[in-house]
Protein backbone atom coordinates (compact mmCIF):
# COMPACT_ATOMS: atom_id res chain seq x y z
CA UNK A 1 101.65 60.10 108.37
CA UNK A 2 98.26 61.55 109.13
CA UNK A 3 95.68 59.44 110.96
CA UNK A 4 92.76 58.20 108.85
CA UNK A 5 90.43 59.96 111.27
CA UNK A 6 91.86 63.35 110.25
CA UNK A 7 91.40 62.53 106.57
CA UNK A 8 87.77 61.63 107.21
CA UNK A 9 87.29 64.88 109.16
CA UNK A 10 88.48 67.18 106.36
CA UNK A 11 86.61 65.23 103.68
CA UNK A 12 83.44 65.67 105.72
CA UNK A 13 84.25 69.34 106.32
CA UNK A 14 84.72 69.90 102.59
CA UNK A 15 81.39 68.30 101.80
CA UNK A 16 82.97 65.44 99.85
CA UNK A 17 81.98 62.50 102.04
CA UNK A 18 79.59 61.14 99.40
CA UNK A 19 82.36 61.26 96.77
CA UNK A 20 85.18 59.92 98.93
CA UNK A 21 85.43 56.67 96.96
CA UNK A 22 85.38 58.32 93.55
CA UNK A 23 88.43 59.12 91.43
CA UNK A 24 89.33 62.80 91.60
CA UNK A 25 89.86 62.87 87.82
CA UNK A 26 86.10 62.82 87.36
CA UNK A 27 85.43 65.69 89.76
CA UNK A 28 83.83 68.91 88.56
CA UNK A 29 85.69 72.21 88.95
CA UNK A 30 83.78 72.98 92.14
CA UNK A 31 84.54 69.54 93.60
CA UNK A 32 88.22 69.91 92.75
CA UNK A 33 88.16 73.26 94.53
CA UNK A 34 86.71 71.58 97.62
CA UNK A 35 89.31 68.80 97.37
CA UNK A 36 92.14 71.33 97.26
CA UNK A 37 90.77 73.06 100.35
CA UNK A 38 90.48 69.71 102.13
CA UNK A 39 94.12 68.94 101.29
CA UNK A 40 95.21 72.32 102.66
CA UNK A 41 93.44 71.59 105.95
CA UNK A 42 94.92 68.13 106.47
CA UNK A 43 97.91 69.29 108.52
CA UNK A 44 95.77 71.58 110.69
CA UNK A 45 97.91 74.63 109.73
CA UNK A 46 97.85 77.93 111.69
CA UNK A 47 98.14 79.95 108.45
CA UNK A 48 96.04 79.30 105.34
CA UNK A 49 96.25 80.95 101.91
CA UNK A 50 93.39 80.74 99.41
CA UNK A 51 93.63 81.91 95.80
CA UNK A 52 90.20 82.70 94.31
CA UNK A 53 88.48 80.19 96.63
CA UNK A 54 84.97 80.65 95.15
CA UNK A 55 86.14 79.83 91.62
CA UNK A 56 83.97 77.06 90.19
CA UNK A 57 81.66 76.85 93.20
CA UNK A 58 77.88 76.94 92.91
CA UNK A 59 75.82 79.25 95.19
CA UNK A 60 75.67 76.60 97.92
CA UNK A 61 79.42 76.14 97.67
CA UNK A 62 80.04 79.88 97.90
CA UNK A 63 77.95 80.04 101.08
CA UNK A 64 79.92 77.09 102.41
CA UNK A 65 83.35 78.62 101.72
CA UNK A 66 82.31 81.91 103.34
CA UNK A 67 81.29 80.08 106.49
CA UNK A 68 84.44 77.97 106.44
CA UNK A 69 86.75 80.97 106.16
CA UNK A 70 84.97 82.74 109.02
CA UNK A 71 85.15 79.64 111.22
CA UNK A 72 88.85 79.14 110.49
CA UNK A 73 89.57 82.77 111.41
CA UNK A 74 87.44 82.42 114.56
CA UNK A 75 89.69 79.53 115.61
CA UNK A 76 92.62 81.95 115.68
CA UNK A 77 94.16 81.02 112.34
CA UNK A 78 95.52 83.57 109.89
CA UNK A 79 93.41 83.28 106.73
CA UNK A 80 94.78 85.02 103.63
CA UNK A 81 92.52 85.25 100.58
CA UNK A 82 93.52 86.45 97.11
CA UNK A 83 90.57 87.45 94.95
CA UNK A 84 89.43 89.87 92.26
CA UNK A 85 85.82 89.58 93.46
CA UNK A 86 85.47 92.35 96.01
CA UNK A 87 81.88 91.38 96.75
CA UNK A 88 83.15 88.03 98.03
CA UNK A 89 85.62 89.71 100.38
CA UNK A 90 83.45 92.49 101.75
CA UNK A 91 81.43 90.31 104.08
CA UNK A 92 84.32 88.31 105.49
CA UNK A 93 87.62 90.18 105.33
CA UNK A 94 88.73 92.52 108.12
CA UNK A 95 92.07 93.63 106.63
CA UNK A 96 92.97 94.38 103.03
CA UNK A 97 96.22 94.50 101.08
CA UNK A 98 95.92 95.88 97.54
CA UNK A 99 98.73 95.39 95.01
CA UNK A 100 98.76 96.93 91.54
CA UNK A 101 101.51 96.40 88.96
CA UNK A 102 103.75 94.93 91.64
CA UNK A 103 103.37 97.97 93.90
CA UNK A 104 101.73 98.07 97.33
CA UNK A 105 98.76 100.43 97.03
CA UNK A 106 97.00 99.89 100.35
CA UNK A 107 97.50 98.00 103.60
CA UNK A 108 94.58 98.90 105.84
CA UNK A 109 91.49 97.62 107.61
CA UNK A 110 88.40 97.19 105.44
CA UNK A 111 86.46 99.53 107.74
CA UNK A 112 89.01 102.34 107.36
CA UNK A 113 89.16 101.89 103.59
CA UNK A 114 85.37 102.09 103.25
CA UNK A 115 85.22 105.14 105.52
CA UNK A 116 87.81 106.91 103.37
CA UNK A 117 86.09 105.90 100.12
CA UNK A 118 82.71 107.08 101.36
CA UNK A 119 84.21 110.56 101.59
CA UNK A 120 81.48 112.15 103.70
CA UNK A 121 79.04 111.99 100.81
CA UNK A 122 75.28 112.10 101.33
CA UNK A 123 72.57 110.36 99.29
CA UNK A 124 69.47 112.48 98.70
CA UNK A 125 66.11 111.32 97.33
CA UNK A 126 63.95 114.05 95.83
CA UNK A 127 61.41 114.43 93.03
CA UNK A 128 62.70 118.02 92.61
CA UNK A 129 66.18 116.96 91.63
CA UNK A 130 67.25 119.97 89.59
CA UNK A 131 65.96 122.46 92.13
CA UNK A 132 67.79 120.63 94.93
CA UNK A 133 71.05 120.53 92.95
CA UNK A 134 70.82 124.26 92.26
CA UNK A 135 70.25 125.13 95.93
CA UNK A 136 73.10 122.91 97.11
CA UNK A 137 75.53 124.11 94.43
CA UNK A 138 74.93 127.72 95.50
CA UNK A 139 75.94 126.68 99.02
CA UNK A 140 79.24 125.29 97.74
CA UNK A 141 78.36 121.61 97.59
CA UNK A 142 79.07 119.24 94.72
CA UNK A 143 75.75 117.68 93.74
CA UNK A 144 75.66 114.86 91.18
CA UNK A 145 72.52 113.29 89.75
CA UNK A 146 72.73 109.51 90.21
CA UNK A 147 69.16 108.59 89.24
CA UNK A 148 65.78 110.06 88.27
CA UNK A 149 65.15 111.12 91.87
CA UNK A 150 68.61 110.58 93.39
CA UNK A 151 71.44 113.03 94.07
CA UNK A 152 74.83 112.38 95.67
CA UNK A 153 76.08 115.39 97.62
CA UNK A 154 79.65 116.11 98.73
CA UNK A 155 80.89 119.05 100.76
CA UNK A 156 77.98 119.55 103.15
CA UNK A 157 76.78 117.58 106.19
CA UNK A 158 73.26 116.13 106.26
CA UNK A 159 72.04 118.72 108.77
CA UNK A 160 73.08 121.60 106.52
CA UNK A 161 71.52 119.97 103.44
CA UNK A 162 68.21 119.53 105.27
CA UNK A 163 68.23 123.15 106.43
CA UNK A 164 69.01 124.49 102.94
CA UNK A 165 66.36 122.43 101.17
CA UNK A 166 63.72 123.14 103.81
CA UNK A 167 64.48 126.85 103.65
CA UNK A 168 64.20 126.83 99.86
CA UNK A 169 60.94 124.87 99.91
CA UNK A 170 62.44 121.88 98.07
CA UNK A 171 60.75 118.64 99.09
CA UNK A 172 62.77 115.47 99.58
CA UNK A 173 61.79 111.95 100.62
CA UNK A 174 65.03 110.63 102.05
CA UNK A 175 68.57 111.48 103.07
CA UNK A 176 71.34 109.17 104.26
CA UNK A 177 75.11 108.94 104.50
CA UNK A 178 76.66 107.39 101.40
CA UNK A 179 78.42 104.10 102.13
CA UNK A 180 80.91 103.02 99.48
CA UNK A 181 81.12 99.34 98.58
CA UNK A 182 84.45 97.53 98.70
CA UNK A 183 84.36 97.26 94.92
CA UNK A 184 83.95 101.04 94.57
CA UNK A 185 86.84 101.61 96.99
CA UNK A 186 89.00 99.10 95.13
CA UNK A 187 88.29 100.64 91.73
CA UNK A 188 89.16 104.09 93.06
CA UNK A 189 92.40 102.83 94.58
CA UNK A 190 93.54 100.96 91.48
CA UNK A 191 92.33 103.40 88.85
CA UNK A 192 95.88 104.45 87.94
CA UNK A 193 97.32 100.95 88.31
CA UNK A 194 95.14 99.21 85.73
CA UNK A 195 97.26 97.69 82.99
CA UNK A 196 94.60 97.81 80.27
CA UNK A 197 91.95 100.52 80.10
CA UNK A 198 89.06 100.88 77.68
CA UNK A 199 88.73 104.18 75.83
CA UNK A 200 85.11 105.29 75.63
CA UNK A 201 83.67 107.22 72.73
CA UNK A 202 85.83 105.56 70.09
CA UNK A 203 84.43 102.68 68.11
CA UNK A 204 86.46 100.04 66.39
CA UNK A 205 87.56 100.97 62.92
């Protein structure tokens, strides 16, 4: 069997030392989540699989699990995480496998996926939004209003956008490369693999 010292180590690691003498049946969802993680670590495995590891955890627990996953990976272990919360994966995952309707959709590094999803788009801040969109559209760009003073531009590099707007006398306060979030990239990837989709513009009858 496992030495008692190892049991004490994983209980401490899971933040359950103060509850070690309590019956698990009275644990909250977050405590049961921690207990399951502690049990998975008992044998000191080289490969770990976590299914929705932040489920039931409070903010402190979420910070803890993020740090734990990073430290386990830093030790050279393979850490596999299954989650629908892309925001929880973005800061810690380095490789992504996306499956939709039983089909492999993507198997790539997170960095490459985000680069592809960003698509060379540029974020523009300007109080003269309509004028800027007109100038850029004439130059062959696709300009989409994304806020009262925000425009997302595709099809032209930043340098060309600056030159066009300056030449046309259109003032702008900021310009930067668009960086897609992991959630945006995921939604784009799985758009055709969603089992249930809402239909907008039609109310219930």
